[in-house]
C-alpha atoms as a PDB file:
ATOM      1  CA  MET A   1     127.004  23.981 -52.797  1.00  0.00           C
ATOM      2  CA  LYS A   2     124.476  24.079 -50.865  1.00  0.00           C
ATOM      3  CA  ARG A   3     123.012  20.922 -51.319  1.00  0.00           C
ATOM      4  CA  ILE A   4     125.990  18.822 -51.025  1.00  0.00           C
ATOM      5  CA  SER A   5     126.745  20.252 -47.967  1.00  0.00           C
ATOM      6  CA  ALA A   6     123.129  20.257 -46.486  1.00  0.00           C
ATOM      7  CA  GLN A   7     123.194  18.420 -42.791  1.00  0.00           C
ATOM      8  CA  GLU A   8     120.106  16.447 -43.601  1.00  0.00           C
ATOM      9  CA  HIS A   9     121.103  12.893 -45.510  1.00  0.00           C
ATOM     10  CA  VAL A  10     120.937  13.421 -49.768  1.00  0.00           C
ATOM     11  CA  PRO A  11     120.567  10.327 -51.600  1.00  0.00           C
ATOM     12  CA  THR A  12     123.546   9.452 -54.178  1.00  0.00           C
ATOM     13  CA  GLN A  13     121.899   9.709 -57.146  1.00  0.00           C
ATOM     14  CA  GLU A  14     121.126  13.477 -56.999  1.00  0.00           C
ATOM     15  CA  LEU A  15     124.281  14.774 -55.425  1.00  0.00           C
ATOM     16  CA  ARG A  16     125.622  12.618 -59.071  1.00  0.00           C
ATOM     17  CA  HIS A  17     123.195  14.622 -60.826  1.00  0.00           C
ATOM     18  CA  GLU A  18     123.021  17.915 -59.270  1.00  0.00           C
ATOM     19  CA  CYS A  19     126.623  18.740 -57.809  1.00  0.00           C
ATOM     20  CA  THR A  20     128.447  17.021 -60.858  1.00  0.00           C
ATOM     21  CA  ASN A  21     128.611  17.270 -64.686  1.00  0.00           C
ATOM     22  CA  TYR A  22     127.932  13.966 -65.066  1.00  0.00           C
ATOM     23  CA  ASP A  23     124.811  14.665 -67.292  1.00  0.00           C
ATOM     24  CA  GLU A  24     126.742  16.868 -69.086  1.00  0.00           C
ATOM     25  CA  LEU A  25     129.782  13.858 -69.465  1.00  0.00           C
ATOM     26  CA  ARG A  26     127.503  11.666 -70.316  1.00  0.00           C
ATOM     27  CA  HIS A  27     125.800  13.015 -73.534  1.00  0.00           C
ATOM     28  CA  LEU A  28     129.258  14.165 -74.633  1.00  0.00           C
ATOM     29  CA  LYS A  29     128.865  13.564 -78.505  1.00  0.00           C
ATOM     30  CA  ALA A  30     132.394  11.712 -78.266  1.00  0.00           C
ATOM     31  CA  VAL A  31     130.753   9.158 -75.441  1.00  0.00           C
ATOM     32  CA  GLN A  32     127.669   8.985 -77.567  1.00  0.00           C
ATOM     33  CA  GLU A  33     129.419   8.016 -80.916  1.00  0.00           C
ATOM     34  CA  LEU A  34     131.448   4.825 -79.743  1.00  0.00           C
ATOM     35  CA  ASP A  35     129.718   1.908 -80.142  1.00  0.00           C
ATOM     36  CA  GLU A  36     127.395   0.467 -77.637  1.00  0.00           C
ATOM     37  CA  LEU A  37     129.442  -1.357 -75.335  1.00  0.00           C
ATOM     38  CA  GLU A  38     132.196   1.116 -74.897  1.00  0.00           C
ATOM     39  CA  ARG A  39     129.997   3.360 -74.526  1.00  0.00           C
ATOM     40  CA  CYS A  40     128.447   1.741 -71.608  1.00  0.00           C
ATOM     41  CA  ARG A  41     131.541   1.139 -70.469  1.00  0.00           C
ATOM     42  CA  VAL A  42     132.436   4.915 -70.197  1.00  0.00           C
ATOM     43  CA  ILE A  43     129.136   6.563 -68.625  1.00  0.00           C
ATOM     44  CA  ALA A  44     130.010   3.711 -65.700  1.00  0.00           C
ATOM     45  CA  ILE A  45     133.398   5.232 -65.214  1.00  0.00           C
ATOM     46  CA  ILE A  46     132.150   8.593 -65.510  1.00  0.00           C
ATOM     47  CA  LYS A  47     129.612   7.587 -63.085  1.00  0.00           C
ATOM     48  CA  TYR A  48     132.047   6.174 -61.019  1.00  0.00           C
ATOM     49  CA  GLU A  49     134.469   9.523 -61.393  1.00  0.00           C
ATOM     50  CA  CYS A  50     131.363  11.141 -60.680  1.00  0.00           C
ATOM     51  CA  THR A  51     130.613   9.863 -57.832  1.00  0.00           C
ATOM     52  CA  ALA A  52     133.374   9.134 -55.868  1.00  0.00           C
ATOM     53  CA  LYS A  53     134.440  13.068 -56.250  1.00  0.00           C
ATOM     54  CA  VAL A  54     131.149  14.799 -54.830  1.00  0.00           C
ATOM     55  CA  LEU A  55     130.792  11.858 -52.303  1.00  0.00           C
ATOM     56  CA  GLN A  56     134.817  13.253 -51.056  1.00  0.00           C
ATOM     57  CA  ARG A  57     133.534  16.829 -51.658  1.00  0.00           C
ATOM     58  CA  ARG A  58     130.189  16.192 -48.957  1.00  0.00           C
ATOM     59  CA  THR A  59     132.353  13.880 -47.146  1.00  0.00           C
ATOM     60  CA  GLY A  60     135.537  16.740 -46.521  1.00  0.00           C
ATOM     61  CA  LEU A  61     132.025  19.702 -45.628  1.00  0.00           C
ATOM     62  CA  LEU A  62     130.947  17.368 -43.220  1.00  0.00           C
ATOM     63  CA  ARG A  63     134.114  16.599 -40.989  1.00  0.00           C
ATOM     64  CA  ASP A  64     135.039  20.484 -41.500  1.00  0.00           C
ATOM     65  CA  TYR A  65     131.130  21.322 -39.851  1.00  0.00           C
ATOM     66  CA  ALA A  66     131.532  18.916 -37.556  1.00  0.00           C
ATOM     67  CA  ARG A  67     135.212  20.401 -36.194  1.00  0.00           C
ATOM     68  CA  LEU A  68     133.658  23.172 -36.511  1.00  0.00           C
ATOM     69  CA  CYS A  69     130.802  22.633 -34.110  1.00  0.00           C
ATOM     70  CA  GLU A  70     133.014  21.089 -31.885  1.00  0.00           C
ATOM     71  CA  GLU A  71     135.217  24.330 -31.557  1.00  0.00           C
ATOM     72  CA  ASN A  72     131.853  26.207 -31.234  1.00  0.00           C
ATOM     73  CA  ALA A  73     131.026  23.762 -28.828  1.00  0.00           C
ATOM     74  CA  PHE A  74     133.779  23.816 -26.844  1.00  0.00           C
ATOM     75  CA  GLU A  75     134.497  27.409 -26.521  1.00  0.00           C
ATOM     76  CA  GLN A  76     131.192  27.459 -25.463  1.00  0.00           C
ATOM     77  CA  LYS A  77     132.018  25.307 -23.070  1.00  0.00           C
ATOM     78  CA  LYS A  78     134.567  27.252 -22.103  1.00  0.00           C
ATOM     79  CA  GLU A  79     132.981  29.960 -22.147  1.00  0.00           C
ATOM     80  CA  ARG A  80     130.292  28.434 -19.435  1.00  0.00           C
ATOM     81  CA  SER A  81     133.236  27.828 -17.576  1.00  0.00           C
ATOM     82  CA  ARG A  82     134.143  31.183 -17.392  1.00  0.00           C
ATOM     83  CA  LEU A  83     130.798  32.951 -16.517  1.00  0.00           C
ATOM     84  CA  GLY A  84     130.190  29.920 -14.351  1.00  0.00           C
ATOM     85  CA  ALA A  85     133.596  31.174 -12.117  1.00  0.00           C
ATOM     86  CA  LEU A  86     132.115  35.134 -12.693  1.00  0.00           C
ATOM     87  CA  LEU A  87     129.014  33.974 -11.234  1.00  0.00           C
ATOM     88  CA  GLN A  88     130.095  31.720  -8.202  1.00  0.00           C
ATOM     89  CA  LYS A  89     132.514  35.553  -7.136  1.00  0.00           C
ATOM     90  CA  LEU A  90     129.632  37.715  -8.172  1.00  0.00           C
ATOM     91  CA  LYS A  91     127.791  35.620  -5.348  1.00  0.00           C
ATOM     92  CA  GLU A  92     130.448  34.889  -3.078  1.00  0.00           C
ATOM     93  CA  ALA A  93     130.708  38.917  -3.490  1.00  0.00           C
ATOM     94  CA  LEU A  94     126.557  39.638  -2.998  1.00  0.00           C
ATOM     95  CA  ARG A  95     126.651  36.815   0.115  1.00  0.00           C
ATOM     96  CA  GLY A  96     130.047  39.303   1.908  1.00  0.00           C
ATOM     97  CA  LYS A  97     128.263  42.177   1.320  1.00  0.00           C
ATOM     98  CA  GLN A  98     124.763  40.737   2.551  1.00  0.00           C
ATOM     99  CA  VAL A  99     126.834  39.781   5.567  1.00  0.00           C
ATOM    100  CA  SER A 100     128.437  43.297   6.692  1.00  0.00           C
ATOM    101  CA  ILE A 101     124.559  44.807   5.976  1.00  0.00           C
ATOM    102  CA  GLU A 102     123.162  42.809   8.605  1.00  0.00           C
ATOM    103  CA  ARG A 103     126.349  43.413  11.065  1.00  0.00           C
ATOM    104  CA  LEU A 104     126.000  46.954  10.035  1.00  0.00           C
ATOM    105  CA  GLU A 105     121.957  46.999  10.631  1.00  0.00           C
ATOM    106  CA  ALA A 106     122.550  45.131  13.864  1.00  0.00           C
ATOM    107  CA  ARG A 107     125.171  47.653  15.571  1.00  0.00           C
ATOM    108  CA  LEU A 108     122.714  50.209  14.575  1.00  0.00           C
ATOM    109  CA  ARG A 109     119.689  48.731  16.031  1.00  0.00           C
ATOM    110  CA  ALA A 110     121.695  48.358  19.874  1.00  0.00           C
ATOM    111  CA  LEU A 111     123.873  51.872  19.437  1.00  0.00           C
ATOM    112  CA  GLU A 112     119.693  53.509  18.960  1.00  0.00           C
ATOM    113  CA  ALA A 113     118.599  51.246  22.278  1.00  0.00           C
ATOM    114  CA  GLU A 114     122.200  52.011  24.372  1.00  0.00           C
ATOM    115  CA  ASN A 115     121.140  55.949  22.985  1.00  0.00           C
ATOM    116  CA  GLY A 116     117.683  55.834  23.913  1.00  0.00           C
ATOM    117  CA  ALA A 117     119.040  53.808  27.315  1.00  0.00           C
ATOM    118  CA  LEU A 118     120.983  57.086  28.100  1.00  0.00           C
ATOM    119  CA  ARG A 119     118.501  59.514  27.193  1.00  0.00           C
ATOM    120  CA  SER A 120     116.224  58.003  30.330  1.00  0.00           C
ATOM    121  CA  GLU A 121     119.237  57.566  32.354  1.00  0.00           C
ATOM    122  CA  GLN A 122     120.271  61.302  31.541  1.00  0.00           C
ATOM    123  CA  GLN A 123     116.185  62.549  31.892  1.00  0.00           C
ATOM    124  CA  GLN A 124     115.326  60.242  35.689  1.00  0.00           C
ATOM    125  CA  SER A 125     118.953  62.456  36.940  1.00  0.00           C
ATOM    126  CA  LYS A 126     117.604  65.086  35.744  1.00  0.00           C
ATOM    127  CA  ALA A 127     114.088  64.963  37.434  1.00  0.00           C
ATOM    128  CA  GLU A 128     115.288  63.998  40.388  1.00  0.00           C
ATOM    129  CA  ARG A 129     117.971  67.179  40.593  1.00  0.00           C
ATOM    130  CA  GLN A 130     115.047  69.492  40.290  1.00  0.00           C
ATOM    131  CA  LEU A 131     112.973  67.155  43.080  1.00  0.00           C
ATOM    132  CA  GLU A 132     115.945  67.537  45.271  1.00  0.00           C
ATOM    133  CA  LYS A 133     116.197  71.285  44.541  1.00  0.00           C
ATOM    134  CA  GLU A 134     112.643  71.836  45.317  1.00  0.00           C
ATOM    135  CA  LEU A 135     112.853  69.619  48.527  1.00  0.00           C
ATOM    136  CA  ALA A 136     115.770  71.718  49.956  1.00  0.00           C
ATOM    137  CA  ALA A 137     113.973  74.852  48.823  1.00  0.00           C
ATOM    138  CA  LEU A 138     111.339  73.584  51.155  1.00  0.00           C
ATOM    139  CA  GLN A 139     113.689  72.555  53.885  1.00  0.00           C
ATOM    140  CA  ARG A 140     115.501  75.420  54.196  1.00  0.00           C
ATOM    141  CA  ALA A 141     111.977  77.832  54.073  1.00  0.00           C
ATOM    142  CA  PHE A 142     110.529  75.567  56.569  1.00  0.00           C
ATOM    143  CA  GLU A 143     113.356  76.384  59.351  1.00  0.00           C
ATOM    144  CA  THR A 144     113.858  79.760  58.412  1.00  0.00           C
ATOM    145  CA  GLU A 145     109.829  80.002  59.553  1.00  0.00           C
ATOM    146  CA  VAL A 146     110.592  77.917  62.316  1.00  0.00           C
ATOM    147  CA  GLU A 147     113.506  80.131  63.631  1.00  0.00           C
ATOM    148  CA  ARG A 148     111.607  83.454  62.349  1.00  0.00           C
ATOM    149  CA  ARG A 149     108.666  82.073  64.977  1.00  0.00           C
ATOM    150  CA  LYS A 150     110.628  81.148  67.715  1.00  0.00           C
ATOM    151  CA  GLN A 151     112.290  84.619  67.555  1.00  0.00           C
ATOM    152  CA  LEU A 152     108.930  86.294  67.559  1.00  0.00           C
ATOM    153  CA  ALA A 153     108.236  84.002  71.241  1.00  0.00           C
ATOM    154  CA  ARG A 154     111.142  85.220  72.901  1.00  0.00           C
ATOM    155  CA  ASN A 155     110.323  88.535  72.168  1.00  0.00           C
ATOM    156  CA  ASN A 156     107.125  88.058  72.663  1.00  0.00           C
ATOM    157  CA  GLN A 157     107.266  86.678  75.934  1.00  0.00           C
ATOM    158  CA  SER A 158     108.643  89.577  77.829  1.00  0.00           C
ATOM    159  CA  LEU A 159     105.652  91.381  76.651  1.00  0.00           C
ATOM    160  CA  GLY A 160     103.360  89.503  78.405  1.00  0.00           C
ATOM    161  CA  GLY A 161     102.659  87.352  81.500  1.00  0.00           C
ATOM    162  CA  ARG A 162     102.219  83.591  82.279  1.00  0.00           C
ATOM    163  CA  VAL A 163      98.305  82.474  80.033  1.00  0.00           C
ATOM    164  CA  ALA A 164      99.273  85.601  77.010  1.00  0.00           C
ATOM    165  CA  HIS A 165     103.227  83.353  76.757  1.00  0.00           C
ATOM    166  CA  THR A 166     100.535  79.691  76.977  1.00  0.00           C
ATOM    167  CA  ASN A 167      98.524  81.424  75.039  1.00  0.00           C
ATOM    168  CA  ARG A 168     100.440  82.733  72.082  1.00  0.00           C
ATOM    169  CA  TYR A 169     103.106  79.556  72.627  1.00  0.00           C
ATOM    170  CA  ARG A 170     100.106  77.132  71.699  1.00  0.00           C
ATOM    171  CA  ARG A 171      98.515  79.717  68.856  1.00  0.00           C
ATOM    172  CA  GLU A 172     102.177  79.344  67.421  1.00  0.00           C
ATOM    173  CA  ARG A 173     102.637  75.668  67.816  1.00  0.00           C
ATOM    174  CA  ASP A 174      99.426  74.773  66.183  1.00  0.00           C
ATOM    175  CA  GLU A 175     100.730  77.334  63.432  1.00  0.00           C
ATOM    176  CA  LEU A 176     104.047  75.109  63.305  1.00  0.00           C
ATOM    177  CA  SER A 177     102.119  72.046  63.439  1.00  0.00           C
ATOM    178  CA  GLU A 178     100.141  73.288  60.430  1.00  0.00           C
ATOM    179  CA  ALA A 179     102.778  74.640  58.499  1.00  0.00           C
ATOM    180  CA  LEU A 180     104.719  71.137  58.815  1.00  0.00           C
ATOM    181  CA  LYS A 181     102.028  69.377  57.643  1.00  0.00           C
ATOM    182  CA  ILE A 182     101.701  71.369  54.618  1.00  0.00           C
ATOM    183  CA  GLU A 183     105.141  71.416  53.946  1.00  0.00           C
ATOM    184  CA  ARG A 184     104.932  67.007  54.120  1.00  0.00           C
ATOM    185  CA  GLN A 185     102.172  66.938  51.849  1.00  0.00           C
ATOM    186  CA  THR A 186     104.394  69.168  49.493  1.00  0.00           C
ATOM    187  CA  SER A 187     106.972  66.513  49.886  1.00  0.00           C
ATOM    188  CA  GLN A 188     104.255  63.113  49.742  1.00  0.00           C
ATOM    189  CA  ILE A 189     102.888  65.247  46.385  1.00  0.00           C
ATOM    190  CA  LEU A 190     106.665  65.844  45.218  1.00  0.00           C
ATOM    191  CA  ARG A 191     107.822  62.202  46.131  1.00  0.00           C
ATOM    192  CA  ARG A 192     104.839  60.545  43.800  1.00  0.00           C
ATOM    193  CA  GLU A 193     105.659  63.053  40.743  1.00  0.00           C
ATOM    194  CA  LEU A 194     108.726  61.655  40.514  1.00  0.00           C
ATOM    195  CA  GLU A 195     107.949  57.990  41.222  1.00  0.00           C
ATOM    196  CA  GLN A 196     106.097  57.978  38.685  1.00  0.00           C
ATOM    197  CA  LEU A 197     107.907  60.132  36.907  1.00  0.00           C
ATOM    198  CA  ARG A 198     110.487  57.182  36.733  1.00  0.00           C
ATOM    199  CA  SER A 199     107.354  54.477  36.032  1.00  0.00           C
ATOM    200  CA  GLY A 200     106.884  56.515  32.806  1.00  0.00           C
ATOM    201  CA  GLU A 201     110.750  56.895  31.749  1.00  0.00           C
ATOM    202  CA  GLN A 202     111.041  52.699  32.606  1.00  0.00           C
ATOM    203  CA  LEU A 203     108.149  52.150  30.309  1.00  0.00           C
ATOM    204  CA  GLY A 204     109.124  54.566  27.597  1.00  0.00           C
ATOM    205  CA  LEU A 205     112.540  52.487  27.475  1.00  0.00           C
ATOM    206  CA  GLY A 206     110.364  49.177  27.502  1.00  0.00           C
ATOM    207  CA  LEU A 207     108.397  50.019  24.391  1.00  0.00           C
ATOM    208  CA  ALA A 208     112.097  51.488  22.533  1.00  0.00           C
ATOM    209  CA  GLU A 209     113.444  48.025  23.308  1.00  0.00           C
END
């Protein structure tokens, strides 16, 4: 059966001898007892019938194989088409997921930058409020000291003469001038610190971006 259904070319003579009972029939006793002319005619008929049947059988098997190949090819084509459509859907789904991921990453970066800016503004506002409190406290202390010294000057005015009053006034004036100088220096120091703090916050914000 393997020989008769082989895909490669098989000589007809081989098919006749290997796949039929041709040799058995031609050597039958009844055939051999015929006279030579009749025996040749009968063997020719046997040869023809065996050859026709084996070729017919082989043709049928090859047609069945060809039909099976066509069916397999059709099924494979359908499967490739199905797999191709599925692959395309997967690609589209993955492409959509990638777009969503990139959009979320961009939004996250924007939120982080916004959060950094808000923290910087909050720290800057806190530093400004602290400096304003310190300046206000210094101003109140200075005004209190000025008022105290004025009061001392008024109290001492009645106790001494003009020269003593003048000396005390000059001394108090010098002390007040020195206190005002110190207050101004302190105010300048605090303002420089505020400027440095603002510059540092702006530099930090620039690096975060």
